[in-house]
Amino acid sequence: MYSVSARAGLTAAAAAAALLAVAACSSSSTSTPAATTSAPAATSGTATSPAATSGAGSISVNDLNNSFSAMAQLKSVAAAGKGTIAVILPDTTSSTRYVEFDAPYLKQAFTAAGLTSSDFLIENALGSDATQLSDAQSAITKGASVLVVDPLDSGVGAHIEAYAKQHGVAVIDYDRLTLGGTRSYYVSFNNVKVGQVMGLGMVSCVTDWGVKSPNLIVMKGAPTDNNATLFAQGYDGVLAPYFASKGWVNVSQPAGTWDPPTALSEFQQQYTAHKNINAALIPNDENAAPIIHYLQGQGIKAKTFPTTGQDATLTGLQNILAGYQCGTVYKPIYLEAQAAAALALYVRAGQTPPASLVNGSTADSTAKTQVPSVLLVPTWVTTKNMNATVIKDNFVPASQLCKGSFATDCTAAGIS
């Protein structure tokens, strides 16, 4: 399989296997990215009782779980705060997560901490920079003391943060970092790790599915999204030794997008021009879905053409069960939402968040600053651990996942 340097190939394979095992249990060839992240070995969806690890008014990353019970420890912090907390999410198209999970989880986290509906608001910019900016300005006018912003891009993010700073309002970057911004904190999953987990998933799948000579198209998210840059740093780093060994071929790297129809067009152009492509590194489930549908229309059989994804969407999980997607990066959004809500409560109360919550830092190379961060750990989900992760967390109910033709696949995967 690794024709030029067997020793290098075997070393890379061994390292990849070890790292993939770590990612599953817990969870370069490009230029220096715009931002990098670092954090300790992190958190999981289950934890000991919050009372056993943190006192009243304090919270740890390891306290967070899908019961939201840890948020009750912040009721005194919530009571000490003034002004409203405004959350401004980016869109409904780059991922369905913002409507299905982020918004309701954020509401649940704030409510569990003792806030009422008049103390916070959650809005969605619907893909418009102008709307995201006007939402932020309006929230500040109405008395917001803290903004939690998932910027559509760093341009609008920096504009919002400059406006907020002028008005004495703190900002927390949520999920995406605003390059050149002035936010106080950043909350996300470790996005380089997300990319590494995805790359390792591809490596494992190529072996499991018996692809002898991988000819890979490496796709990316939108160039304007710093997360896409970090994802790519992660998977490019994993794949580099395989390409260097000449056992794998890096056929194409399209420009990148988070728009599924555009992603499909990019793929079709490259697949038409390079019929040797037999694997696709795709950075999320939304982009992967139309590509997989296209491949099925081309007569591609299950477990012969590895693809990847991210976000553990219903469609992505079903594509995994059907053997057309190797796996997906699962990011338990209930952890991210609680971490953001906790930070916002501390900032609103004028208190410094504990080091047990702020567990890392993120470099903003445009602003030349290190941003205090909460960085969470992702998990690679396949048929082997789907039941123990997304189903156990009720991220996707088994009743939805296992409908119709997927019932048999669910039974085979131990999902009922």
Protein backbone atom coordinates (compact mmCIF):
# COMPACT_ATOMS: atom_id res chain seq x y z
CA MET A 1 0.00 0.00 0.00
CA TYR A 2 2.86 2.38 0.83
CA SER A 3 5.03 1.65 -2.18
CA VAL A 4 7.98 4.03 -1.77
CA SER A 5 8.75 3.93 1.91
CA ALA A 6 7.25 0.98 3.75
CA ARG A 7 8.89 1.99 6.99
CA ALA A 8 7.58 5.56 6.85
CA GLY A 9 4.16 4.31 5.85
CA LEU A 10 3.99 1.80 8.66
CA THR A 11 5.15 4.40 11.18
CA ALA A 12 2.47 6.80 9.99
CA ALA A 13 -0.14 4.07 10.14
CA ALA A 14 0.82 3.09 13.67
CA ALA A 15 0.71 6.69 14.85
CA ALA A 16 -2.62 7.23 13.17
CA ALA A 17 -4.11 4.13 14.72
CA ALA A 18 -2.97 5.20 18.18
CA LEU A 19 -4.35 8.70 17.79
CA LEU A 20 -7.64 7.45 16.41
CA ALA A 21 -8.05 5.20 19.39
CA VAL A 22 -7.55 8.16 21.72
CA ALA A 23 -10.01 10.28 19.74
CA ALA A 24 -12.63 7.56 19.76
CA CYS A 25 -12.30 6.99 23.48
CA SER A 26 -12.40 10.66 24.41
CA SER A 27 -14.16 11.97 22.09
CA SER A 28 1.50 19.73 7.83
CA SER A 29 1.17 20.38 4.45
CA THR A 30 -0.50 23.76 4.59
CA SER A 31 0.87 27.11 5.63
CA THR A 32 0.62 28.36 9.20
CA PRO A 33 -3.06 28.84 10.01
CA ALA A 34 -4.60 32.13 11.05
CA ALA A 35 -5.18 30.80 14.54
CA THR A 36 -4.10 27.82 16.57
CA THR A 37 -5.49 26.30 19.72
CA SER A 38 -4.17 24.54 22.76
CA ALA A 39 -5.83 22.91 25.73
CA PRO A 40 -5.42 20.19 28.30
CA ALA A 41 -6.83 16.78 27.61
CA ALA A 42 -10.34 18.00 28.17
CA THR A 43 -13.84 16.85 28.81
CA SER A 44 -16.47 14.28 28.07
CA GLY A 45 -20.21 14.13 28.06
CA THR A 46 -20.38 12.35 31.41
CA ALA A 47 -18.94 13.58 34.67
CA THR A 48 -19.11 13.21 38.41
CA SER A 49 -21.69 15.13 40.35
CA PRO A 50 -21.02 18.88 40.05
CA ALA A 51 -21.28 19.30 43.80
CA ALA A 52 -18.35 16.93 44.22
CA THR A 53 -15.99 18.99 42.09
CA SER A 54 -17.05 22.62 42.34
CA GLY A 55 -18.46 24.92 44.98
CA ALA A 56 -21.45 27.21 44.72
CA GLY A 57 -20.80 29.91 42.16
CA SER A 58 -18.05 27.89 40.47
CA ILE A 59 -18.08 25.47 37.57
CA SER A 60 -15.60 23.20 35.82
CA VAL A 61 -15.46 21.94 32.26
CA ASN A 62 -15.63 18.45 33.70
CA ASP A 63 -18.91 19.26 35.47
CA LEU A 64 -20.74 19.78 32.19
CA ASN A 65 -22.99 16.99 30.95
CA ASN A 66 -26.27 16.50 29.18
CA SER A 67 -28.34 16.93 32.37
CA PHE A 68 -27.43 20.67 32.56
CA SER A 69 -27.41 20.21 36.36
CA ALA A 70 -24.06 21.99 36.77
CA MET A 71 -25.61 25.27 35.66
CA ALA A 72 -27.59 25.47 38.92
CA GLN A 73 -24.29 26.15 40.69
CA LEU A 74 -24.18 29.51 38.94
CA LYS A 75 -27.42 30.88 40.35
CA SER A 76 -25.54 33.22 42.69
CA VAL A 77 -23.47 34.45 39.76
CA ALA A 78 -26.61 34.99 37.71
CA ALA A 79 -28.20 36.92 40.55
CA ALA A 80 -25.16 39.22 40.79
CA GLY A 81 -25.23 40.16 37.11
CA LYS A 82 -26.76 43.18 35.40
CA GLY A 83 -28.06 43.71 31.88
CA THR A 84 -29.09 41.12 29.33
CA ILE A 85 -27.04 38.51 27.50
CA ALA A 86 -27.56 38.54 23.73
CA VAL A 87 -26.57 35.51 21.66
CA ILE A 88 -26.30 36.05 17.92
CA LEU A 89 -25.97 32.86 15.87
CA PRO A 90 -24.85 33.00 12.23
CA ASP A 91 -27.21 31.16 9.92
CA THR A 92 -29.39 28.14 9.28
CA THR A 93 -27.54 26.71 6.26
CA SER A 94 -23.88 26.06 7.10
CA SER A 95 -25.20 23.59 9.66
CA THR A 96 -28.66 22.79 10.95
CA ARG A 97 -27.16 22.66 14.44
CA TYR A 98 -27.83 26.33 15.20
CA VAL A 99 -31.61 25.90 15.10
CA GLU A 100 -31.86 22.30 16.27
CA PHE A 101 -29.32 22.40 19.10
CA ASP A 102 -27.46 25.62 19.89
CA ALA A 103 -30.49 27.85 20.39
CA PRO A 104 -32.48 25.44 22.60
CA TYR A 105 -29.39 24.31 24.54
CA LEU A 106 -28.36 27.92 25.25
CA LYS A 107 -31.88 28.69 26.46
CA GLN A 108 -31.81 25.62 28.69
CA ALA A 109 -28.41 26.56 30.11
CA PHE A 110 -29.42 30.13 30.95
CA THR A 111 -32.70 28.98 32.47
CA ALA A 112 -31.01 26.30 34.57
CA ALA A 113 -28.71 29.00 35.97
CA GLY A 114 -31.69 31.03 37.10
CA LEU A 115 -32.15 33.60 34.33
CA THR A 116 -35.62 34.47 33.11
CA SER A 117 -36.60 35.05 29.49
CA SER A 118 -36.18 38.80 30.00
CA ASP A 119 -32.51 38.33 30.95
CA PHE A 120 -31.32 36.89 27.62
CA LEU A 121 -32.18 36.75 23.94
CA ILE A 122 -31.07 34.38 21.19
CA GLU A 123 -31.16 35.50 17.56
CA ASN A 124 -30.01 34.17 14.20
CA ALA A 125 -28.50 36.41 11.51
CA LEU A 126 -29.83 34.12 8.74
CA GLY A 127 -26.60 34.32 6.78
CA SER A 128 -26.49 38.13 6.54
CA ASP A 129 -23.54 40.19 7.78
CA ALA A 130 -25.75 43.28 7.86
CA THR A 131 -28.35 41.47 9.96
CA GLN A 132 -25.75 40.14 12.38
CA LEU A 133 -24.34 43.63 12.90
CA SER A 134 -27.76 45.25 13.29
CA ASP A 135 -28.83 42.52 15.73
CA ALA A 136 -25.78 43.27 17.86
CA GLN A 137 -26.33 47.03 17.74
CA SER A 138 -30.00 46.61 18.60
CA ALA A 139 -29.21 44.31 21.54
CA ILE A 140 -26.73 46.84 22.93
CA THR A 141 -29.27 49.65 22.54
CA LYS A 142 -31.79 47.57 24.48
CA GLY A 143 -29.40 47.02 27.39
CA ALA A 144 -27.22 44.00 26.64
CA SER A 145 -24.13 43.90 28.83
CA VAL A 146 -22.67 40.78 27.17
CA LEU A 147 -22.76 39.56 23.57
CA VAL A 148 -22.14 35.93 22.63
CA VAL A 149 -21.41 35.97 18.90
CA ASP A 150 -20.80 33.20 16.40
CA PRO A 151 -19.57 35.44 13.57
CA LEU A 152 -20.45 34.73 9.96
CA ASP A 153 -16.90 35.84 9.20
CA SER A 154 -14.13 37.79 10.90
CA GLY A 155 -15.02 41.00 9.05
CA VAL A 156 -18.46 41.37 10.60
CA GLY A 157 -17.21 39.87 13.85
CA ALA A 158 -14.52 42.54 14.22
CA HIS A 159 -17.04 45.25 13.38
CA ILE A 160 -19.41 43.99 16.06
CA GLU A 161 -16.64 43.75 18.62
CA ALA A 162 -15.36 47.25 17.89
CA TYR A 163 -18.90 48.63 18.28
CA ALA A 164 -19.40 46.69 21.51
CA LYS A 165 -16.11 47.93 22.93
CA GLN A 166 -17.12 51.52 22.21
CA HIS A 167 -20.26 50.96 24.25
CA GLY A 168 -18.61 49.11 27.14
CA VAL A 169 -20.12 45.74 26.24
CA ALA A 170 -18.11 42.53 26.54
CA VAL A 171 -18.08 39.93 23.73
CA ILE A 172 -17.54 36.18 23.83
CA ASP A 173 -16.69 34.46 20.53
CA TYR A 174 -18.79 31.34 20.18
CA ASP A 175 -17.67 28.42 18.00
CA ARG A 176 -15.78 30.67 15.53
CA LEU A 177 -12.95 33.01 16.46
CA THR A 178 -13.07 36.57 15.14
CA LEU A 179 -9.60 37.28 13.77
CA GLY A 180 -8.49 40.78 14.68
CA GLY A 181 -11.25 40.99 17.28
CA THR A 182 -11.36 42.33 20.84
CA ARG A 183 -13.46 39.66 22.52
CA SER A 184 -12.83 38.64 26.12
CA TYR A 185 -13.15 34.86 25.70
CA TYR A 186 -13.62 32.15 23.09
CA VAL A 187 -15.67 28.95 23.41
CA SER A 188 -15.38 26.10 20.93
CA PHE A 189 -14.23 22.60 20.34
CA ASN A 190 -10.52 22.23 19.69
CA ASN A 191 -10.83 22.73 15.95
CA VAL A 192 -7.38 21.48 14.97
CA LYS A 193 -8.30 18.32 16.88
CA VAL A 194 -11.58 18.16 14.95
CA GLY A 195 -9.58 18.06 11.72
CA GLN A 196 -7.15 15.49 13.09
CA VAL A 197 -10.00 13.22 14.15
CA MET A 198 -11.50 13.53 10.67
CA GLY A 199 -8.18 12.74 8.98
CA LEU A 200 -7.57 9.75 11.23
CA GLY A 201 -11.09 8.56 10.49
CA MET A 202 -10.29 8.60 6.78
CA VAL A 203 -7.06 6.66 7.36
CA SER A 204 -8.85 4.01 9.38
CA CYS A 205 -11.67 3.75 6.85
CA VAL A 206 -9.33 3.30 3.89
CA THR A 207 -7.92 0.28 5.69
CA ASP A 208 -11.26 -1.09 6.88
CA TRP A 209 -12.85 -0.76 3.45
CA GLY A 210 -9.84 -2.22 1.64
CA VAL A 211 -9.08 0.74 -0.63
CA LYS A 212 -5.71 -0.29 -2.04
CA SER A 213 -4.63 2.90 -3.83
CA PRO A 214 -6.40 5.91 -2.31
CA ASN A 215 -6.78 8.80 -4.77
CA LEU A 216 -8.16 11.50 -2.55
CA ILE A 217 -9.98 14.76 -3.12
CA VAL A 218 -9.44 16.97 -0.07
CA MET A 219 -12.30 19.41 0.35
CA LYS A 220 -12.54 22.36 2.71
CA GLY A 221 -15.04 24.67 4.33
CA ALA A 222 -15.42 28.33 3.44
CA PRO A 223 -12.11 30.24 3.14
CA THR A 224 -13.65 33.06 5.20
CA ASP A 225 -14.25 30.74 8.19
CA ASN A 226 -11.28 30.44 10.52
CA ASN A 227 -12.64 27.12 11.78
CA ALA A 228 -12.34 25.73 8.26
CA THR A 229 -8.68 26.76 8.28
CA LEU A 230 -8.11 24.96 11.58
CA PHE A 231 -9.99 21.84 10.47
CA ALA A 232 -7.79 21.73 7.37
CA GLN A 233 -4.64 22.18 9.43
CA GLY A 234 -5.66 19.12 11.41
CA TYR A 235 -6.51 16.76 8.57
CA ASP A 236 -3.76 18.01 6.25
CA GLY A 237 -1.27 17.20 8.99
CA VAL A 238 -2.62 13.67 9.38
CA LEU A 239 -2.71 13.00 5.63
CA ALA A 240 0.67 14.55 4.74
CA PRO A 241 2.82 11.46 5.49
CA TYR A 242 0.49 9.25 3.48
CA PHE A 243 0.78 11.52 0.45
CA ALA A 244 4.55 11.81 0.99
CA SER A 245 4.89 8.02 0.98
CA LYS A 246 3.38 7.95 -2.55
CA GLY A 247 0.95 5.27 -1.36
CA TRP A 248 -1.84 7.85 -1.39
CA VAL A 249 -2.42 10.44 -4.12
CA ASN A 250 -3.59 13.98 -3.34
CA VAL A 251 -5.62 14.43 -6.52
CA SER A 252 -7.35 17.74 -5.86
CA GLN A 253 -8.03 20.43 -3.26
CA PRO A 254 -10.96 22.66 -4.33
CA ALA A 255 -11.32 26.19 -2.95
CA GLY A 256 -13.85 25.27 -0.27
CA THR A 257 -17.35 26.26 0.81
CA TRP A 258 -20.02 25.59 3.42
CA ASP A 259 -22.76 25.72 0.79
CA PRO A 260 -23.79 22.13 -0.07
CA PRO A 261 -24.80 22.81 -3.72
CA THR A 262 -21.50 24.59 -4.30
CA ALA A 263 -19.61 21.71 -2.65
CA LEU A 264 -21.39 19.28 -4.96
CA SER A 265 -20.43 21.39 -7.98
CA GLU A 266 -16.78 21.47 -6.84
CA PHE A 267 -16.79 17.71 -6.43
CA GLN A 268 -18.49 17.00 -9.76
CA GLN A 269 -16.00 19.17 -11.64
CA GLN A 270 -13.05 17.35 -10.09
CA TYR A 271 -14.60 13.88 -10.34
CA THR A 272 -15.34 14.45 -14.03
CA ALA A 273 -11.77 15.60 -14.64
CA HIS A 274 -10.16 12.89 -12.46
CA LYS A 275 -11.99 9.58 -12.68
CA ASN A 276 -9.30 8.01 -10.49
CA ILE A 277 -10.74 9.76 -7.40
CA ASN A 278 -11.91 7.03 -5.04
CA ALA A 279 -12.08 8.80 -1.66
CA ALA A 280 -13.19 12.23 -0.44
CA LEU A 281 -12.22 14.12 2.69
CA ILE A 282 -15.37 16.23 3.17
CA PRO A 283 -15.42 18.61 6.17
CA ASN A 284 -19.06 18.26 7.23
CA ASP A 285 -22.16 16.11 6.80
CA GLU A 286 -24.12 18.85 5.04
CA ASN A 287 -21.59 19.03 2.20
CA ALA A 288 -21.16 15.27 2.14
CA ALA A 289 -24.86 14.46 1.69
CA PRO A 290 -25.35 15.66 -1.93
CA ILE A 291 -21.95 14.29 -2.92
CA ILE A 292 -22.87 10.85 -1.58
CA HIS A 293 -26.22 11.02 -3.35
CA TYR A 294 -24.37 11.86 -6.59
CA LEU A 295 -21.96 8.95 -6.12
CA GLN A 296 -24.86 6.57 -5.56
CA GLY A 297 -26.29 7.79 -8.87
CA GLN A 298 -22.96 6.93 -10.47
CA GLY A 299 -23.30 3.34 -9.34
CA ILE A 300 -20.76 3.50 -6.50
CA LYS A 301 -21.32 0.61 -4.09
CA ALA A 302 -21.35 0.78 -0.29
CA LYS A 303 -18.00 0.60 1.53
CA THR A 304 -15.96 1.22 -1.60
CA PHE A 305 -15.61 5.05 -1.67
CA PRO A 306 -14.65 6.51 1.73
CA THR A 307 -16.05 9.92 2.65
CA THR A 308 -15.98 11.87 5.91
CA GLY A 309 -18.17 14.39 7.68
CA GLN A 310 -18.79 16.46 10.79
CA ASP A 311 -21.69 17.47 13.05
CA ALA A 312 -23.39 14.06 13.47
CA THR A 313 -26.48 15.06 11.50
CA LEU A 314 -29.33 12.61 10.95
CA THR A 315 -28.44 12.30 7.27
CA GLY A 316 -24.75 11.88 8.05
CA LEU A 317 -25.42 9.13 10.56
CA GLN A 318 -27.70 7.34 8.11
CA ASN A 319 -25.02 7.58 5.41
CA ILE A 320 -22.63 5.96 7.89
CA LEU A 321 -25.08 3.14 8.61
CA ALA A 322 -25.56 2.61 4.88
CA GLY A 323 -21.79 2.36 4.25
CA TYR A 324 -21.32 5.53 2.23
CA GLN A 325 -19.67 7.69 4.91
CA CYS A 326 -16.85 6.45 7.12
CA GLY A 327 -17.83 8.46 10.17
CA THR A 328 -18.64 11.91 11.47
CA VAL A 329 -17.07 14.22 14.03
CA TYR A 330 -19.49 14.48 16.94
CA LYS A 331 -19.30 17.68 18.94
CA PRO A 332 -21.72 17.53 21.88
CA ILE A 333 -23.17 21.00 21.50
CA TYR A 334 -24.76 20.87 24.94
CA LEU A 335 -21.22 21.17 26.34
CA GLU A 336 -20.40 24.19 24.18
CA ALA A 337 -23.69 25.92 24.97
CA GLN A 338 -23.26 25.46 28.72
CA ALA A 339 -19.65 26.66 28.61
CA ALA A 340 -20.68 29.79 26.70
CA ALA A 341 -23.58 30.46 29.05
CA ALA A 342 -21.33 30.03 32.09
CA LEU A 343 -18.73 32.44 30.71
CA ALA A 344 -21.42 34.97 29.85
CA LEU A 345 -22.80 34.80 33.39
CA TYR A 346 -19.38 35.42 34.93
CA VAL A 347 -18.69 38.34 32.59
CA ARG A 348 -22.17 39.80 33.22
CA ALA A 349 -21.49 39.68 36.96
CA GLY A 350 -18.03 41.25 36.58
CA GLN A 351 -16.39 38.09 37.89
CA THR A 352 -13.36 36.19 36.59
CA PRO A 353 -14.24 32.68 35.37
CA PRO A 354 -12.36 29.88 37.16
CA ALA A 355 -9.36 28.21 35.54
CA SER A 356 -11.29 24.94 35.77
CA LEU A 357 -13.61 26.36 33.10
CA VAL A 358 -11.19 28.38 30.97
CA ASN A 359 -8.93 25.46 30.12
CA GLY A 360 -6.89 26.73 27.16
CA SER A 361 -5.98 29.60 24.89
CA THR A 362 -6.35 30.41 21.23
CA ALA A 363 -3.93 32.51 19.19
CA ASP A 364 -5.42 35.35 17.17
CA SER A 365 -2.47 36.07 14.89
CA THR A 366 -4.19 39.09 13.35
CA ALA A 367 -4.66 40.82 16.71
CA LYS A 368 -1.39 39.28 18.01
CA THR A 369 -3.11 38.09 21.16
CA GLN A 370 -3.80 34.89 23.05
CA VAL A 371 -7.49 34.57 23.77
CA PRO A 372 -8.53 32.77 26.98
CA SER A 373 -10.63 29.85 25.82
CA VAL A 374 -12.83 26.94 26.72
CA LEU A 375 -11.80 24.16 24.34
CA LEU A 376 -13.76 20.94 24.20
CA VAL A 377 -12.85 17.55 22.73
CA PRO A 378 -14.65 15.99 19.72
CA THR A 379 -15.38 12.30 19.09
CA TRP A 380 -15.22 10.30 15.85
CA VAL A 381 -18.49 8.38 15.48
CA THR A 382 -18.87 5.21 13.42
CA THR A 383 -21.30 2.32 13.56
CA LYS A 384 -19.15 0.88 16.35
CA ASN A 385 -19.77 3.67 18.89
CA MET A 386 -22.89 5.39 17.52
CA ASN A 387 -25.13 3.84 20.16
CA ALA A 388 -22.79 4.87 22.99
CA THR A 389 -22.46 8.48 21.83
CA VAL A 390 -25.11 10.28 19.78
CA ILE A 391 -27.90 7.84 20.67
CA LYS A 392 -27.03 7.75 24.38
CA ASP A 393 -26.96 11.56 24.41
CA ASN A 394 -30.26 11.69 22.50
CA PHE A 395 -28.50 13.96 20.03
CA VAL A 396 -30.35 12.03 17.34
CA PRO A 397 -33.19 9.81 18.60
CA ALA A 398 -33.00 6.18 17.57
CA SER A 399 -36.63 6.41 16.46
CA GLN A 400 -35.63 8.92 13.78
CA LEU A 401 -32.34 7.29 12.83
CA CYS A 402 -33.73 3.80 12.40
CA LYS A 403 -36.75 4.50 10.24
CA GLY A 404 -37.56 2.47 7.14
CA SER A 405 -34.61 0.87 5.37
CA PHE A 406 -32.23 1.89 8.19
CA ALA A 407 -33.91 -0.40 10.73
CA THR A 408 -31.79 -3.37 9.69
CA ASP A 409 -28.60 -1.25 9.70
CA CYS A 410 -29.42 -0.04 13.22
CA THR A 411 -29.93 -3.58 14.45
CA ALA A 412 -26.55 -4.57 13.00
CA ALA A 413 -24.98 -1.61 14.84
CA GLY A 414 -26.63 -2.54 18.14
CA ILE A 415 -29.03 0.39 18.05
CA SER A 416 -32.63 -0.15 19.07
